[in-house]
N, C-alpha and C. Protein backbone atom coordinates (compact mmCIF):
# COMPACT_ATOMS: atom_id res chain seq x y z
N MET A 1 0.89 -1.07 0.01
CA MET A 1 0.03 -0.08 -0.30
C MET A 1 0.74 1.38 -0.26
N ASN A 2 1.92 0.96 -0.52
CA ASN A 2 3.05 2.16 -0.57
C ASN A 2 2.32 2.88 -2.05
N SER A 3 2.01 4.25 -1.80
CA SER A 3 1.46 4.88 -2.74
C SER A 3 2.88 4.81 -4.10
N ASN A 4 3.95 4.47 -4.04
CA ASN A 4 4.71 4.56 -4.97
C ASN A 4 5.01 2.87 -5.56
N SER A 5 4.16 2.05 -5.26
CA SER A 5 4.38 0.72 -5.79
C SER A 5 3.21 0.93 -6.99
N ASN A 6 3.46 -0.16 -7.76
CA ASN A 6 2.25 -0.19 -8.84
C ASN A 6 1.13 -1.34 -8.38
N TYR A 7 1.17 -1.73 -6.95
CA TYR A 7 0.24 -2.41 -6.27
C TYR A 7 -1.46 -2.00 -7.06
N GLN A 8 -2.15 -3.07 -7.47
CA GLN A 8 -3.51 -2.43 -7.87
C GLN A 8 -4.27 -3.55 -7.26
N PRO A 9 -5.24 -3.34 -6.02
CA PRO A 9 -5.80 -4.48 -5.70
C PRO A 9 -6.96 -4.66 -6.67
N GLU A 10 -7.09 -6.23 -6.54
CA GLU A 10 -7.98 -7.14 -7.16
C GLU A 10 -9.70 -6.99 -6.29
N PRO A 11 -10.51 -6.98 -6.89
CA PRO A 11 -11.81 -7.47 -6.33
C PRO A 11 -11.75 -8.41 -5.38
N GLU A 12 -11.24 -9.56 -6.02
CA GLU A 12 -11.00 -10.98 -5.22
C GLU A 12 -10.15 -10.84 -3.74
N ASP A 13 -9.24 -9.53 -4.18
CA ASP A 13 -8.29 -9.67 -2.62
C ASP A 13 -9.03 -9.51 -1.46
N PHE A 14 -10.13 -8.77 -1.50
CA PHE A 14 -10.82 -8.37 -0.42
C PHE A 14 -11.34 -9.93 0.29
N ARG A 15 -11.76 -10.71 -0.47
CA ARG A 15 -12.22 -11.96 0.13
C ARG A 15 -10.76 -12.78 0.78
N TYR A 16 -9.67 -12.74 -0.13
CA TYR A 16 -8.61 -13.66 0.63
C TYR A 16 -8.18 -12.59 1.89
N LEU A 17 -8.28 -11.68 1.76
CA LEU A 17 -8.16 -10.70 3.10
C LEU A 17 -8.74 -11.26 4.47
N GLU A 18 -9.84 -11.19 3.76
CA GLU A 18 -11.18 -11.70 4.97
C GLU A 18 -10.98 -13.34 5.51
N ASP A 19 -10.27 -14.24 4.60
CA ASP A 19 -9.97 -15.38 4.84
C ASP A 19 -8.79 -15.36 5.68
N THR A 20 -7.98 -14.46 5.73
CA THR A 20 -6.57 -14.54 6.48
C THR A 20 -7.17 -13.82 7.69
N LEU A 21 -7.63 -12.91 7.87
CA LEU A 21 -8.40 -12.37 8.95
C LEU A 21 -9.42 -13.04 9.96
N TYR A 22 -9.82 -13.92 9.03
CA TYR A 22 -10.87 -15.24 10.00
C TYR A 22 -9.92 -16.25 10.87
N VAL A 23 -8.80 -16.51 9.73
CA VAL A 23 -8.10 -17.07 10.41
C VAL A 23 -7.24 -16.78 11.67
N ILE A 24 -6.48 -15.99 11.50
CA ILE A 24 -5.48 -15.28 12.53
C ILE A 24 -6.08 -13.75 13.29
N GLY A 25 -7.48 -13.38 13.02
CA GLY A 25 -7.99 -12.30 13.54
C GLY A 25 -8.10 -12.40 15.17
N GLY A 26 -8.05 -13.48 15.55
CA GLY A 26 -8.30 -13.45 17.03
C GLY A 26 -7.29 -12.89 17.85
N LYS A 27 -7.46 -12.43 18.94
CA LYS A 27 -6.68 -11.55 19.75
C LYS A 27 -5.47 -12.30 20.15
N TRP A 28 -5.38 -13.68 20.27
CA TRP A 28 -4.18 -14.56 20.88
C TRP A 28 -3.77 -15.28 19.53
N THR A 29 -4.12 -15.46 18.54
CA THR A 29 -3.81 -16.20 17.40
C THR A 29 -2.18 -16.18 17.13
N LEU A 30 -1.96 -14.73 16.65
CA LEU A 30 -0.61 -14.80 16.46
C LEU A 30 0.69 -14.91 17.28
N LEU A 31 0.13 -14.61 18.68
CA LEU A 31 0.75 -14.76 19.85
C LEU A 31 1.01 -16.10 19.98
N ILE A 32 -0.18 -16.87 20.33
CA ILE A 32 0.47 -18.50 20.23
C ILE A 32 1.23 -19.18 19.04
N MET A 33 1.18 -18.57 17.65
CA MET A 33 1.62 -19.07 16.62
C MET A 33 3.25 -18.77 17.00
N HIS A 34 3.37 -17.27 17.19
CA HIS A 34 4.81 -16.97 17.65
C HIS A 34 5.57 -17.77 18.75
N SER A 35 4.61 -17.99 19.73
CA SER A 35 5.26 -18.75 20.87
C SER A 35 5.56 -20.33 20.28
N LEU A 36 4.76 -20.97 19.57
CA LEU A 36 4.95 -22.22 18.94
C LEU A 36 6.57 -22.23 18.22
N SER A 37 6.48 -21.03 17.56
CA SER A 37 7.62 -20.92 16.42
C SER A 37 8.93 -20.90 17.25
N LEU A 38 8.72 -20.48 18.85
CA LEU A 38 10.06 -20.13 19.44
C LEU A 38 10.44 -21.61 20.18
N GLY A 39 9.68 -22.38 20.00
CA GLY A 39 10.02 -23.90 20.05
C GLY A 39 9.18 -24.26 21.67
N ASN A 40 8.14 -23.44 21.96
CA ASN A 40 7.33 -23.73 23.10
C ASN A 40 6.13 -24.86 22.71
N ARG A 41 5.99 -26.11 23.08
CA ARG A 41 5.46 -27.10 22.53
C ARG A 41 4.34 -27.68 23.74
N ARG A 42 4.69 -27.41 25.21
CA ARG A 42 3.62 -28.20 25.94
C ARG A 42 2.95 -26.89 26.37
N PHE A 43 1.53 -27.31 26.69
CA PHE A 43 0.24 -26.54 26.86
C PHE A 43 1.04 -25.35 28.00
N THR A 44 1.56 -25.99 29.18
CA THR A 44 1.91 -24.94 30.10
C THR A 44 2.98 -23.83 29.94
N ASP A 45 3.83 -24.49 28.85
CA ASP A 45 5.05 -23.46 28.24
C ASP A 45 4.42 -22.44 27.56
N ILE A 46 2.95 -22.92 26.62
CA ILE A 46 2.87 -21.61 25.70
C ILE A 46 1.77 -20.85 26.64
N LYS A 47 1.43 -21.45 27.76
CA LYS A 47 0.55 -20.49 28.48
C LYS A 47 1.47 -19.51 29.52
N GLN A 48 2.23 -20.01 29.63
CA GLN A 48 3.40 -19.15 30.70
C GLN A 48 3.82 -17.74 29.55
N SER A 49 4.15 -18.34 28.22
CA SER A 49 4.94 -17.51 27.25
C SER A 49 3.90 -16.31 26.86
N ILE A 50 2.74 -16.39 27.51
CA ILE A 50 1.52 -15.45 26.53
C ILE A 50 0.94 -14.81 28.11
N PRO A 51 1.47 -13.65 28.52
CA PRO A 51 0.59 -13.29 29.72
C PRO A 51 -1.03 -12.81 29.35
N LYS A 52 -1.74 -13.23 30.49
CA LYS A 52 -2.98 -12.76 30.55
C LYS A 52 -3.77 -13.65 29.89
N ILE A 53 -3.48 -14.74 29.11
CA ILE A 53 -4.46 -15.84 28.40
C ILE A 53 -4.82 -16.89 29.50
N THR A 54 -6.08 -17.06 29.34
CA THR A 54 -6.52 -18.25 30.37
C THR A 54 -6.40 -19.41 29.59
N PRO A 55 -6.35 -20.55 30.45
CA PRO A 55 -6.07 -22.01 29.93
C PRO A 55 -7.60 -21.91 29.30
N ARG A 56 -8.70 -21.93 29.33
CA ARG A 56 -9.49 -22.00 28.60
C ARG A 56 -9.49 -21.43 27.13
N VAL A 57 -9.07 -20.14 27.03
CA VAL A 57 -9.30 -19.86 25.88
C VAL A 57 -7.91 -20.02 25.07
N LEU A 58 -6.82 -20.55 25.98
CA LEU A 58 -5.76 -21.24 24.88
C LEU A 58 -6.21 -22.36 24.36
N SER A 59 -6.93 -23.22 24.94
CA SER A 59 -7.21 -24.67 24.57
C SER A 59 -8.02 -24.47 23.28
N LYS A 60 -9.17 -23.67 23.46
CA LYS A 60 -10.13 -23.45 22.36
C LYS A 60 -9.50 -22.67 21.01
N GLU A 61 -8.13 -21.90 21.50
CA GLU A 61 -7.64 -21.19 20.25
C GLU A 61 -6.50 -22.71 19.78
N LEU A 62 -6.13 -23.17 20.55
CA LEU A 62 -4.99 -24.25 19.83
C LEU A 62 -5.76 -25.29 19.12
N LYS A 63 -7.09 -25.53 19.38
CA LYS A 63 -8.30 -26.38 18.84
C LYS A 63 -8.58 -25.82 17.22
N ARG A 64 -8.78 -24.54 17.28
CA ARG A 64 -9.04 -23.56 15.90
C ARG A 64 -7.68 -23.82 15.39
N LEU A 65 -6.68 -23.56 15.91
CA LEU A 65 -5.51 -23.53 14.72
C LEU A 65 -5.24 -25.01 14.28
N GLU A 66 -5.39 -25.80 15.10
CA GLU A 66 -5.40 -27.43 14.62
C GLU A 66 -6.32 -27.46 13.48
N MET A 67 -7.57 -27.35 13.74
CA MET A 67 -8.71 -27.43 12.58
C MET A 67 -8.14 -26.68 11.23
N ASN A 68 -7.52 -25.64 11.22
CA ASN A 68 -7.01 -24.67 10.03
C ASN A 68 -5.41 -25.28 9.52
N ASN A 69 -5.19 -26.29 10.26
CA ASN A 69 -3.73 -27.03 9.80
C ASN A 69 -2.80 -26.09 10.01
N LEU A 70 -2.72 -25.31 11.00
CA LEU A 70 -1.76 -24.40 11.45
C LEU A 70 -0.81 -25.37 12.69
N VAL A 71 -1.50 -25.73 13.15
CA VAL A 71 -0.98 -26.38 14.24
C VAL A 71 -0.81 -27.91 14.68
N ARG A 72 0.05 -29.02 14.63
CA ARG A 72 -0.20 -30.35 15.03
C ARG A 72 -0.04 -30.54 16.62
N ARG A 73 -1.15 -31.42 17.01
CA ARG A 73 -1.17 -32.18 18.39
C ARG A 73 -0.70 -33.35 18.65
N SER A 74 0.04 -33.67 19.17
CA SER A 74 0.55 -35.11 19.26
C SER A 74 0.73 -35.32 20.74
N VAL A 75 -0.04 -36.74 20.75
CA VAL A 75 -0.11 -37.29 22.33
C VAL A 75 0.38 -38.52 22.25
N HIS A 76 1.39 -38.32 23.60
CA HIS A 76 2.28 -39.43 23.67
C HIS A 76 1.95 -40.15 24.72
N ASP A 77 2.05 -41.82 24.72
CA ASP A 77 1.55 -42.49 25.75
C ASP A 77 2.69 -42.93 26.45
N LYS A 78 3.08 -42.31 27.75
CA LYS A 78 4.33 -42.94 28.64
C LYS A 78 3.58 -43.36 29.56
N THR A 79 4.60 -43.07 30.87
CA THR A 79 3.77 -43.40 32.09
C THR A 79 2.25 -42.61 32.44
N ARG A 80 2.88 -41.47 31.93
CA ARG A 80 1.21 -40.57 31.65
C ARG A 80 1.21 -39.85 30.47
N VAL A 81 0.27 -39.59 30.05
CA VAL A 81 0.01 -38.97 28.74
C VAL A 81 0.71 -37.79 28.62
N SER A 82 1.27 -37.72 27.59
CA SER A 82 1.91 -36.44 27.35
C SER A 82 1.62 -35.45 25.84
N ILE A 83 1.39 -34.37 25.84
CA ILE A 83 0.51 -33.93 24.79
C ILE A 83 1.31 -32.43 24.44
N ASP A 84 1.78 -32.34 23.04
CA ASP A 84 2.93 -31.89 22.67
C ASP A 84 2.08 -30.71 21.34
N TYR A 85 2.48 -29.79 21.10
CA TYR A 85 1.78 -28.81 19.94
C TYR A 85 3.08 -28.72 19.24
N GLU A 86 2.85 -28.52 17.83
CA GLU A 86 3.93 -27.82 16.85
C GLU A 86 3.31 -27.44 15.76
N VAL A 87 4.01 -25.96 15.15
CA VAL A 87 3.70 -25.39 14.19
C VAL A 87 3.93 -26.52 12.73
N THR A 88 2.67 -26.41 11.95
CA THR A 88 2.92 -27.24 10.88
C THR A 88 3.58 -26.52 9.67
N GLN A 89 4.46 -27.07 8.71
CA GLN A 89 5.15 -26.52 7.59
C GLN A 89 4.12 -25.62 7.01
N TYR A 90 2.76 -25.42 7.04
CA TYR A 90 1.90 -24.68 6.37
C TYR A 90 1.97 -23.26 7.27
N CYS A 91 1.95 -23.63 8.46
CA CYS A 91 2.19 -22.30 9.42
C CYS A 91 3.31 -21.56 9.30
N LYS A 92 4.33 -22.41 9.02
CA LYS A 92 5.75 -21.76 8.89
C LYS A 92 5.97 -20.75 7.44
N SER A 93 4.68 -21.00 6.82
CA SER A 93 4.95 -20.02 5.64
C SER A 93 4.31 -18.84 5.94
N PHE A 94 3.82 -18.61 7.42
CA PHE A 94 3.08 -17.29 7.73
C PHE A 94 4.16 -16.89 9.08
N GLU A 95 5.37 -17.08 8.68
CA GLU A 95 6.60 -16.59 9.47
C GLU A 95 6.68 -15.19 9.35
N PRO A 96 7.12 -14.76 7.93
CA PRO A 96 7.34 -13.82 7.36
C PRO A 96 6.40 -12.63 7.64
N ILE A 97 4.94 -12.97 7.67
CA ILE A 97 4.19 -12.20 8.10
C ILE A 97 3.99 -11.80 9.53
N ILE A 98 4.61 -12.49 10.36
CA ILE A 98 4.45 -12.56 12.02
C ILE A 98 5.80 -11.51 12.02
N LYS A 99 6.86 -11.92 11.30
CA LYS A 99 8.19 -10.98 11.62
C LYS A 99 7.89 -9.47 10.96
N ALA A 100 7.13 -9.21 10.06
CA ALA A 100 6.71 -7.92 9.58
C ALA A 100 5.76 -7.39 10.73
N ALA A 101 5.02 -8.11 11.01
CA ALA A 101 3.95 -7.55 12.04
C ALA A 101 4.92 -7.10 13.42
N ILE A 102 5.81 -7.81 13.84
CA ILE A 102 6.61 -7.26 14.93
C ILE A 102 7.41 -6.13 14.50
N ALA A 103 7.94 -6.02 13.60
CA ALA A 103 8.68 -5.07 13.03
C ALA A 103 7.54 -3.90 13.24
N TRP A 104 6.53 -3.95 12.43
CA TRP A 104 5.63 -2.84 12.31
C TRP A 104 5.14 -2.42 13.66
N GLY A 105 4.93 -3.57 14.48
CA GLY A 105 4.62 -3.16 15.87
C GLY A 105 5.72 -2.12 16.52
N LYS A 106 6.74 -2.74 16.29
CA LYS A 106 7.85 -1.91 17.09
C LYS A 106 7.99 -0.30 16.42
N LEU A 107 7.82 -0.39 15.18
CA LEU A 107 8.03 1.22 14.40
C LEU A 107 6.80 1.95 15.20
N HIS A 108 5.68 1.24 15.18
CA HIS A 108 4.26 2.02 15.55
C HIS A 108 4.66 2.33 17.15
N ARG A 109 4.89 1.54 18.04
CA ARG A 109 5.10 1.84 19.16
C ARG A 109 6.12 2.93 19.55
N GLY A 110 7.29 3.13 18.79
CA GLY A 110 8.07 4.01 18.86
C GLY A 110 7.69 5.22 18.17
N VAL A 111 6.43 5.54 17.15
CA VAL A 111 5.96 6.55 16.85
C VAL A 111 4.86 7.18 17.74
N ILE A 112 4.10 6.33 18.43
CA ILE A 112 3.15 6.94 19.33
C ILE A 112 3.56 7.06 20.83
N THR A 113 4.53 6.95 20.76
CA THR A 113 5.39 7.03 22.45
C THR A 113 6.35 8.38 21.97
N GLY A 114 6.54 8.92 20.80
CA GLY A 114 7.36 9.91 20.54
C GLY A 114 8.81 9.55 20.23
N LYS A 115 9.20 8.24 20.69
CA LYS A 115 10.65 7.99 20.71
C LYS A 115 11.71 8.03 19.36
N THR A 116 10.43 7.78 18.29
CA THR A 116 10.80 8.00 16.85
C THR A 116 9.82 8.84 16.28
N ASN A 117 10.14 9.92 15.15
CA ASN A 117 9.05 10.32 14.44
C ASN A 117 8.92 9.60 12.86
N ASP A 118 9.76 8.32 12.72
CA ASP A 118 10.29 7.87 11.30
C ASP A 118 8.70 7.15 11.05
N ALA A 119 7.59 7.68 10.60
CA ALA A 119 6.36 7.10 10.41
C ALA A 119 6.57 6.52 8.67
N ARG A 120 7.57 7.06 8.14
CA ARG A 120 7.68 6.36 7.00
C ARG A 120 6.70 6.94 6.00
């Protein structure tokens, strides 16, 4: 959306953007995906890495991410049952977008706090 680019939105782009927002639009979705990409695999590790998320919401979001093929849940039968979560290859395709969102968030925080005036 740079005014200098030749980007011309197509009518169906809005539908694709809506599809993307449907999958990642939840308050916690990107945070969970990021936590998993950092190597947090157990439910308690994911929960500890995301301040203020409740166990109920985390469970619900993990199920939704699994349903959308972004997270894989593995149950291991040992002496006691162990459950791990991991991002799928498909989810890894979203990594550049998460990194771009982090970079933009960092820039935005600097702009709104007055620590930088680089609004580009």
